Protein backbone atom coordinates (compact mmCIF):
# COMPACT_ATOMS: atom_id res chain seq x y z
CA MET A 1 79.44 100.61 108.67
CA LEU A 2 79.59 101.72 112.27
CA SER A 3 77.75 98.61 113.41
CA THR A 4 80.72 96.45 112.42
CA VAL A 5 83.34 98.46 114.27
CA CYS A 6 81.33 99.62 117.31
CA ARG A 7 81.39 96.25 119.10
CA LEU A 8 84.40 95.72 121.30
CA LEU A 9 85.18 92.02 121.40
CA GLN A 10 86.00 90.49 124.73
CA GLY A 11 89.72 90.45 125.35
CA ARG A 12 92.15 87.93 126.67
CA GLY A 13 95.79 87.59 127.64
CA GLN A 14 97.91 90.67 128.21
CA ILE A 15 96.33 92.87 125.57
CA LEU A 16 92.68 93.18 126.57
CA SER A 17 90.84 92.41 129.74
CA ARG A 18 87.40 90.79 129.53
CA GLN A 19 85.61 93.97 130.52
CA ALA A 20 82.75 95.11 128.34
CA ALA A 21 82.97 98.16 126.16
CA VAL A 22 80.95 101.28 126.85
CA PRO A 23 80.18 103.06 123.54
CA ILE A 24 79.65 106.81 123.91
CA HIS A 25 78.31 108.77 120.93
CA ARG A 26 79.05 112.44 120.31
CA LYS A 27 78.24 114.67 117.40
CA LEU A 28 80.97 116.64 115.69
CA SER A 29 80.73 120.36 115.19
CA HIS A 30 80.41 121.79 111.69
CA HIS A 31 83.78 122.71 110.17
CA GLY A 32 83.94 125.02 107.16
CA HIS A 33 82.48 123.54 103.97
CA ASP A 34 82.56 119.94 105.16
CA LYS A 35 79.24 118.28 105.76
CA GLN A 36 78.69 117.10 109.32
CA GLN A 37 78.89 113.31 109.65
CA PRO A 38 77.42 110.98 112.29
CA GLY A 39 80.12 111.77 114.85
CA ILE A 40 82.45 110.03 117.26
CA VAL A 41 82.07 106.69 118.98
CA PHE A 42 84.35 105.96 121.93
CA HIS A 43 85.18 102.37 122.91
CA ARG A 44 86.04 102.41 126.60
CA LEU A 45 86.57 99.52 129.00
CA ASP A 46 84.65 99.65 132.27
CA GLY A 47 86.63 101.56 134.87
CA GLU A 48 88.85 103.30 132.30
CA GLU A 49 88.65 107.07 132.06
CA ARG A 50 90.22 107.19 128.60
CA ALA A 51 89.01 105.31 125.53
CA GLN A 52 91.18 102.66 123.92
CA LEU A 53 89.46 102.70 120.52
CA MET A 54 87.33 105.16 118.61
CA THR A 55 85.52 105.65 115.34
CA ILE A 56 85.30 109.15 113.90
CA GLU A 57 83.47 110.25 110.78
CA ASN A 58 84.23 113.92 110.17
CA GLY A 59 83.68 115.63 106.82
CA LEU A 60 83.18 113.91 103.48
CA LYS A 61 85.02 111.06 101.82
CA MET A 62 87.85 112.31 99.58
CA ASN A 63 87.98 111.76 95.84
CA PRO A 64 89.43 108.26 95.35
CA THR A 65 92.55 107.64 93.28
CA PHE A 66 90.93 104.69 91.51
CA SER A 67 87.41 103.61 90.62
CA ALA A 68 85.29 101.54 92.99
CA ASN A 69 85.49 98.68 90.49
CA GLU A 70 89.30 98.79 90.57
CA MET A 71 89.45 98.72 94.36
CA ASN A 72 86.83 95.98 94.63
CA THR A 73 88.75 93.90 92.07
CA ARG A 74 91.88 94.17 94.19
CA LEU A 75 90.07 93.06 97.33
CA SER A 76 88.27 90.27 95.45
CA SER A 77 91.58 88.89 94.15
CA LEU A 78 93.00 88.94 97.65
CA ARG A 79 89.93 87.24 99.10
CA ASN A 80 90.04 84.57 96.41
CA TYR A 81 93.57 83.73 97.48
CA MET A 82 92.49 83.72 101.12
CA SER A 83 89.58 81.37 100.37
CA LYS A 84 91.76 78.93 98.45
CA ASN A 85 94.23 78.80 101.35
CA GLY A 86 91.77 78.73 104.27
CA ILE A 87 92.70 82.21 105.52
CA GLU A 88 89.84 83.96 107.32
CA GLY A 89 91.46 87.34 107.82
CA ALA A 90 94.70 89.19 107.22
CA LEU A 91 96.53 92.05 108.91
CA PHE A 92 98.57 94.26 106.60
CA THR A 93 101.04 96.73 108.09
CA SER A 94 103.21 97.85 105.17
CA TYR A 95 102.79 101.10 103.26
CA HIS A 96 102.57 99.08 100.05
CA ASN A 97 99.67 96.82 100.89
CA ILE A 98 97.67 99.32 102.95
CA ASN A 99 97.89 101.81 100.10
CA TYR A 100 97.16 99.19 97.45
CA TYR A 101 94.09 97.69 99.11
CA ALA A 102 92.74 100.79 100.90
CA ASP A 103 94.03 103.82 98.93
CA PHE A 104 95.46 105.15 102.20
CA MET A 105 99.09 106.19 102.61
CA TYR A 106 99.70 106.57 106.32
CA CYS A 107 102.21 108.78 108.12
CA SER A 108 103.71 106.63 110.87
CA TRP A 109 105.87 108.87 113.06
CA GLY A 110 106.72 105.72 115.01
CA ARG A 111 103.14 104.53 115.46
CA PRO A 112 101.85 101.31 113.88
CA TYR A 113 99.13 101.36 111.25
CA GLY A 114 97.21 98.49 109.77
CA LEU A 115 94.56 97.17 107.41
CA VAL A 116 92.49 94.16 108.40
CA VAL A 117 90.80 92.32 105.53
CA THR A 118 88.28 89.56 106.14
CA HIS A 119 85.88 87.95 103.69
CA ASP A 120 83.20 90.47 104.66
CA ASP A 121 84.98 93.65 105.72
CA ALA A 122 88.06 95.80 105.22
CA THR A 123 89.06 98.19 108.01
CA THR A 124 92.05 100.48 108.37
CA ILE A 125 93.59 100.95 111.82
CA SER A 126 95.01 104.40 112.52
CA ALA A 127 96.27 106.53 115.39
CA LEU A 128 94.09 109.19 117.01
CA VAL A 129 96.66 111.83 116.14
CA ASP A 130 95.32 111.65 112.54
CA TRP A 131 91.70 112.09 113.71
CA ALA A 132 89.31 111.38 110.80
CA GLN A 133 91.67 111.81 107.84
CA PRO A 134 92.22 108.03 107.41
CA TRP A 135 88.43 107.52 107.33
CA ARG A 136 88.03 110.24 104.69
CA ARG A 137 90.89 108.85 102.60
CA ALA A 138 89.85 105.19 102.33
CA ASN A 139 86.61 105.10 100.33
CA THR A 140 86.12 101.32 100.32
CA CYS A 141 87.04 100.66 103.95
CA ASP A 142 85.86 101.30 107.48
CA ASN A 143 88.28 102.86 109.93
CA LEU A 144 89.07 102.07 113.55
CA ILE A 145 91.19 104.47 115.63
CA TYR A 146 93.37 103.57 118.59
CA THR A 147 94.44 106.06 121.24
CA ASP A 148 97.78 106.56 122.98
CA TRP A 149 96.29 106.38 126.46
CA GLN A 150 97.17 102.72 127.04
CA ARG A 151 100.10 100.70 125.76
CA ASP A 152 99.36 98.35 122.83
CA ASN A 153 95.98 99.82 121.93
CA PHE A 154 96.88 99.08 118.31
CA TRP A 155 96.75 95.39 119.16
CA ARG A 156 93.43 95.89 120.92
CA ALA A 157 92.15 97.14 117.58
CA VAL A 158 93.57 94.08 115.82
CA GLN A 159 91.93 91.84 118.40
CA LYS A 160 88.62 93.60 117.91
CA LEU A 161 88.69 92.96 114.17
CA LEU A 162 90.19 89.45 114.13
CA GLY A 163 89.10 88.02 117.46
CA HIS A 164 86.15 86.27 115.84
CA VAL A 165 88.28 83.88 113.77
CA ARG A 166 87.12 80.32 114.37
CA ALA A 167 89.17 77.68 116.12
CA ARG A 168 91.96 76.20 114.00
CA GLY A 169 91.44 78.95 111.43
CA LYS A 170 94.21 80.95 109.76
CA VAL A 171 95.07 84.64 109.77
CA GLY A 172 97.66 86.24 107.53
CA PHE A 173 100.36 88.81 108.25
CA GLU A 174 103.38 90.34 106.50
CA SER A 175 106.47 88.62 107.89
CA ASP A 176 108.79 90.98 106.01
CA HIS A 177 107.27 94.02 107.71
CA MET A 178 106.51 92.87 111.24
CA PRO A 179 109.29 92.90 113.88
CA PHE A 180 109.67 89.79 116.02
CA ASP A 181 108.29 91.53 119.11
CA ASN A 182 105.12 92.46 117.23
CA VAL A 183 104.67 88.90 115.98
CA SER A 184 104.32 87.88 119.61
CA LYS A 185 101.71 90.60 120.20
CA PHE A 186 99.87 89.55 117.05
CA LYS A 187 99.64 86.00 118.34
CA GLN A 188 98.14 87.32 121.59
CA ALA A 189 95.58 89.38 119.67
CA VAL A 190 94.01 86.37 117.93
CA PRO A 191 92.49 83.25 119.50
CA ASP A 192 94.97 80.66 120.82
CA SER A 193 93.97 77.97 118.35
CA VAL A 194 94.44 80.19 115.28
CA ASP A 195 97.44 79.70 112.99
CA ILE A 196 99.22 82.78 111.70
CA VAL A 197 100.57 82.44 108.17
CA ASP A 198 102.77 84.66 106.03
CA ILE A 199 100.80 86.43 103.30
CA ALA A 200 103.46 88.96 102.25
CA LYS A 201 104.68 87.25 99.09
CA PRO A 202 101.26 86.22 97.75
CA ALA A 203 99.98 89.76 98.29
CA MET A 204 103.02 91.15 96.48
CA GLU A 205 102.46 88.83 93.54
CA LEU A 206 98.89 90.11 93.26
CA ARG A 207 100.01 93.71 93.66
CA ILE A 208 102.69 93.79 90.98
CA VAL A 209 100.31 92.81 88.18
CA LYS A 210 99.37 96.30 87.03
CA SER A 211 95.86 97.18 85.91
CA ASP A 212 94.91 99.59 83.15
CA GLU A 213 94.04 102.23 85.74
CA GLU A 214 97.40 101.89 87.46
CA ILE A 215 99.32 102.12 84.20
CA ALA A 216 97.34 105.23 83.23
CA LEU A 217 98.12 106.84 86.59
CA ILE A 218 101.83 106.03 86.35
CA ARG A 219 101.97 107.53 82.85
CA GLU A 220 100.36 110.72 84.13
CA ILE A 221 102.79 110.89 87.06
CA ALA A 222 105.67 110.51 84.60
CA THR A 223 104.52 113.69 82.86
CA ILE A 224 104.81 115.48 86.21
CA ALA A 225 108.37 114.19 86.62
CA ASP A 226 109.09 115.66 83.18
CA ILE A 227 107.82 119.02 84.43
CA GLY A 228 110.19 118.82 87.38
CA GLY A 229 113.10 117.96 85.10
CA ALA A 230 112.36 120.90 82.82
CA ALA A 231 112.23 123.18 85.85
CA GLN A 232 115.64 121.97 87.01
CA VAL A 233 117.11 122.69 83.57
CA GLU A 234 115.50 126.12 83.72
CA ALA A 235 117.19 126.80 87.07
CA MET A 236 120.65 125.69 85.93
CA SER A 237 123.11 128.58 85.66
CA GLU A 238 126.69 129.23 86.60
CA CYS A 239 126.97 129.66 90.39
CA ALA A 240 123.48 128.21 91.04
CA THR A 241 123.57 125.72 93.93
CA GLU A 242 122.32 122.16 94.00
CA TYR A 243 119.68 122.87 96.62
CA GLU A 244 118.28 125.88 94.74
CA ILE A 245 117.81 123.76 91.61
CA VAL A 246 116.18 121.02 93.70
CA LEU A 247 113.68 123.44 95.25
CA HIS A 248 112.70 124.78 91.83
CA GLY A 249 112.09 121.28 90.46
CA THR A 250 110.06 120.10 93.43
CA GLN A 251 107.89 123.20 93.48
CA ALA A 252 107.08 122.75 89.79
CA MET A 253 106.02 119.13 90.37
CA VAL A 254 103.83 119.90 93.38
CA THR A 255 102.13 122.70 91.46
CA GLY A 256 101.60 120.37 88.49
CA ILE A 257 100.05 117.67 90.69
CA ALA A 258 97.69 120.16 92.34
CA LYS A 259 96.48 121.32 88.93
CA LYS A 260 96.08 117.84 87.44
CA TRP A 261 94.46 116.19 90.49
CA PRO A 262 92.45 118.84 92.38
CA GLY A 263 91.79 117.87 95.98
CA THR A 264 94.51 115.24 96.13
CA GLU A 265 96.98 114.98 98.99
CA LEU A 266 100.23 116.76 98.15
CA ARG A 267 103.06 114.79 99.72
CA ASP A 268 106.35 112.99 99.16
CA SER A 269 107.33 114.39 95.75
CA PHE A 270 111.01 115.28 95.86
CA SER A 271 114.03 116.05 93.70
CA LEU A 272 117.76 115.47 93.72
CA PHE A 273 120.41 117.42 91.85
CA GLN A 274 124.10 116.62 92.07
CA THR A 275 127.10 118.13 90.33
CA GLY A 276 130.78 117.26 90.15
CA ILE A 277 131.99 114.67 92.65
CA ASN A 278 128.54 114.58 94.24
CA THR A 279 127.29 112.64 91.18
CA ASP A 280 129.21 109.50 92.19
CA GLY A 281 126.20 108.17 94.13
CA CYS A 282 122.69 107.96 92.72
CA HIS A 283 120.98 109.13 95.90
CA ASN A 284 123.53 111.61 97.23
CA PRO A 285 121.64 114.47 98.87
CA PRO A 286 121.86 118.01 97.48
CA SER A 287 124.24 120.51 99.01
CA ASP A 288 125.34 124.09 98.48
CA ARG A 289 127.81 122.92 95.85
CA VAL A 290 127.95 125.42 92.99
CA LEU A 291 127.23 124.49 89.36
CA LYS A 292 130.11 125.10 86.94
CA LYS A 293 130.43 125.06 83.14
CA GLY A 294 131.51 121.76 81.56
CA VAL A 295 131.05 119.77 84.79
CA ILE A 296 128.69 116.78 84.86
CA SER A 297 125.42 117.14 86.77
CA SER A 298 122.58 114.73 87.51
CA ILE A 299 118.90 115.67 87.35
CA ASN A 300 116.54 113.50 89.39
CA THR A 301 112.84 114.25 89.86
CA PHE A 302 110.49 111.93 91.72
CA ALA A 303 106.79 112.70 91.37
CA MET A 304 104.42 111.09 93.89
CA VAL A 305 100.64 110.79 93.71
CA SER A 306 98.71 108.68 96.23
CA GLY A 307 101.83 106.68 97.07
CA TYR A 308 102.61 105.97 93.40
CA TYR A 309 105.96 107.00 91.99
CA ALA A 310 107.55 107.85 88.68
CA ALA A 311 111.02 109.24 88.11
CA LEU A 312 113.04 111.21 85.61
CA GLU A 313 116.83 110.79 85.80
CA ARG A 314 119.18 112.50 83.36
CA ASN A 315 122.82 113.61 83.09
CA THR A 316 123.39 117.21 82.05
CA PHE A 317 126.20 119.67 81.40
CA LEU A 318 126.12 123.43 81.59
CA ASP A 319 127.41 125.22 78.49
CA HIS A 320 129.37 122.32 76.90
CA VAL A 321 130.12 118.60 77.16
CA PRO A 322 133.80 117.52 77.33
CA ASP A 323 134.74 114.99 74.62
CA ASP A 324 135.48 112.13 77.05
CA ASN A 325 132.11 112.58 78.75
CA LEU A 326 130.31 112.76 75.40
CA ARG A 327 131.83 109.44 74.30
CA ILE A 328 130.54 107.64 77.39
CA TRP A 329 127.19 109.38 77.16
CA GLU A 330 126.72 108.13 73.59
CA ILE A 331 127.53 104.57 74.69
CA ASN A 332 124.87 104.87 77.40
CA CYS A 333 122.35 106.06 74.81
CA ASP A 334 123.14 103.06 72.58
CA VAL A 335 122.51 100.72 75.53
CA VAL A 336 119.22 102.43 76.37
CA ARG A 337 117.98 102.17 72.78
CA ARG A 338 118.90 98.49 72.62
CA GLY A 339 117.20 97.85 75.93
CA ILE A 340 113.96 99.37 74.63
CA GLU A 341 114.15 97.11 71.57
CA LEU A 342 114.53 94.02 73.77
CA ILE A 343 111.50 94.72 75.96
CA LYS A 344 108.64 92.62 74.58
CA PRO A 345 106.15 89.98 75.76
CA GLY A 346 107.96 86.79 76.73
CA ALA A 347 111.34 88.44 77.25
CA LYS A 348 113.19 87.67 80.49
CA CYS A 349 114.91 90.39 82.48
CA LYS A 350 118.04 88.29 82.90
CA ASP A 351 118.41 87.85 79.12
CA ILE A 352 118.05 91.58 78.56
CA THR A 353 120.63 92.23 81.26
CA ASN A 354 123.14 89.79 79.80
CA GLU A 355 122.96 91.40 76.36
CA LEU A 356 123.31 94.93 77.70
CA ASN A 357 126.18 93.86 79.94
CA GLU A 358 127.98 92.55 76.89
CA MET A 359 127.68 95.94 75.21
CA TYR A 360 129.37 97.61 78.18
CA ARG A 361 131.97 94.85 78.37
CA GLN A 362 133.02 95.52 74.78
CA HIS A 363 133.71 99.14 75.70
CA GLY A 364 135.54 98.23 78.94
CA LEU A 365 132.86 99.91 81.05
CA LEU A 366 131.01 97.02 82.70
CA ASP A 367 132.82 97.41 86.01
CA ALA A 368 131.69 101.04 86.14
CA ARG A 369 128.04 99.98 86.45
CA SER A 370 126.79 100.52 90.01
CA PHE A 371 123.42 98.77 89.64
CA GLY A 372 121.21 97.01 87.12
CA TYR A 373 118.95 98.21 84.32
CA GLY A 374 115.60 99.90 84.40
CA HIS A 375 113.81 101.17 87.49
CA SER A 376 110.81 100.26 89.60
CA PHE A 377 107.62 102.28 89.38
CA GLY A 378 104.39 101.97 91.31
CA ILE A 379 103.93 102.09 95.08
CA MET A 380 107.40 103.07 96.24
CA CYS A 381 109.34 105.88 97.85
CA HIS A 382 112.70 106.40 99.51
CA TYR A 383 111.35 105.72 103.01
CA TYR A 384 109.24 102.64 102.35
CA GLY A 385 111.13 101.01 99.52
CA ARG A 386 110.16 99.61 96.17
CA GLU A 387 107.94 96.93 94.80
CA ALA A 388 109.68 93.77 93.65
CA GLY A 389 108.68 94.49 90.06
CA GLU A 390 105.82 95.61 87.89
CA TYR A 391 104.30 93.34 85.26
CA ARG A 392 101.53 94.11 82.80
CA GLN A 393 100.42 90.48 82.82
CA HIS A 394 101.55 87.11 84.09
CA GLY A 395 104.53 85.61 82.29
CA LEU A 396 106.33 88.79 81.26
């Protein structure tokens, strides 16, 4: 693996000079129970004191979220599309695609991250601040690290991995995730005669067709969201605050994830709990508002495993439900039950929506709807957004 990423391609333009790389190998020290790996390789231009790029193998690869067959199938589907459209390599920068094709959910903190896929290799690009964690996380990919010591070292990494593309070839990128300024840098990182093409939508269309393994994972995550919801109900009492109930729910989910998936990364699971006027917005943050009897509250638990999301969202009342609220709640339940009946192979979302809208219209409540029906699941979170949809198979 190191042989692929240890050669620094000659640079050009404003990103890389044409100086040769000087690889320097160092062994890592033994840390705790982790087995020592080959070590660190620095990629340094002649005359530079600090390295621009590095490869680090420290510890052992982590347990993958999905089987090797699942991950290879994803990459094979992507490469089939690339072959049919004459694309020799692609740079992914979004949380969604990097996680989907590499099983790596990065933590940006303002730094760029990437995944370069060619017909022969797949390599994540990460910042040195993360050291070897990205290499341990992505079982089916190599990893190339860029340092902060020179501006635009991320693009030096891109050039290293895509600089071999032949004249008049094509490379893909995600137009919906790359700012205009970075598009210019991307163009400088690949040969002048190469065409850059948008691969965001085709990749999304491949991604939203869910496999058996993905569906199984999402179902398991949903059980964790249920645990969080039960914990919030457990914490509900007169004078309890929104934030106290939220903390109890989140802690229960994190504990549940740690028990169900030993060794997994514990991150991003969160909860919301609103009561009274704070329930008027779905994503209103919790506060120190106090829970009172007979006042509407909203339970929201969002369980996250390896970038995948499932949610539980329910309305609740402490002690009793006022008659007016109960009437509307029962209408909502009728709509939900009808929606479940309408979901079947061949059904169209717009047709389901129209029928459910009519139910609300008959009760004079349609204008009270603040958004549509159902909810996304899959690779999504509040800070990197949702997938466009999830489909079990083409045509649903």
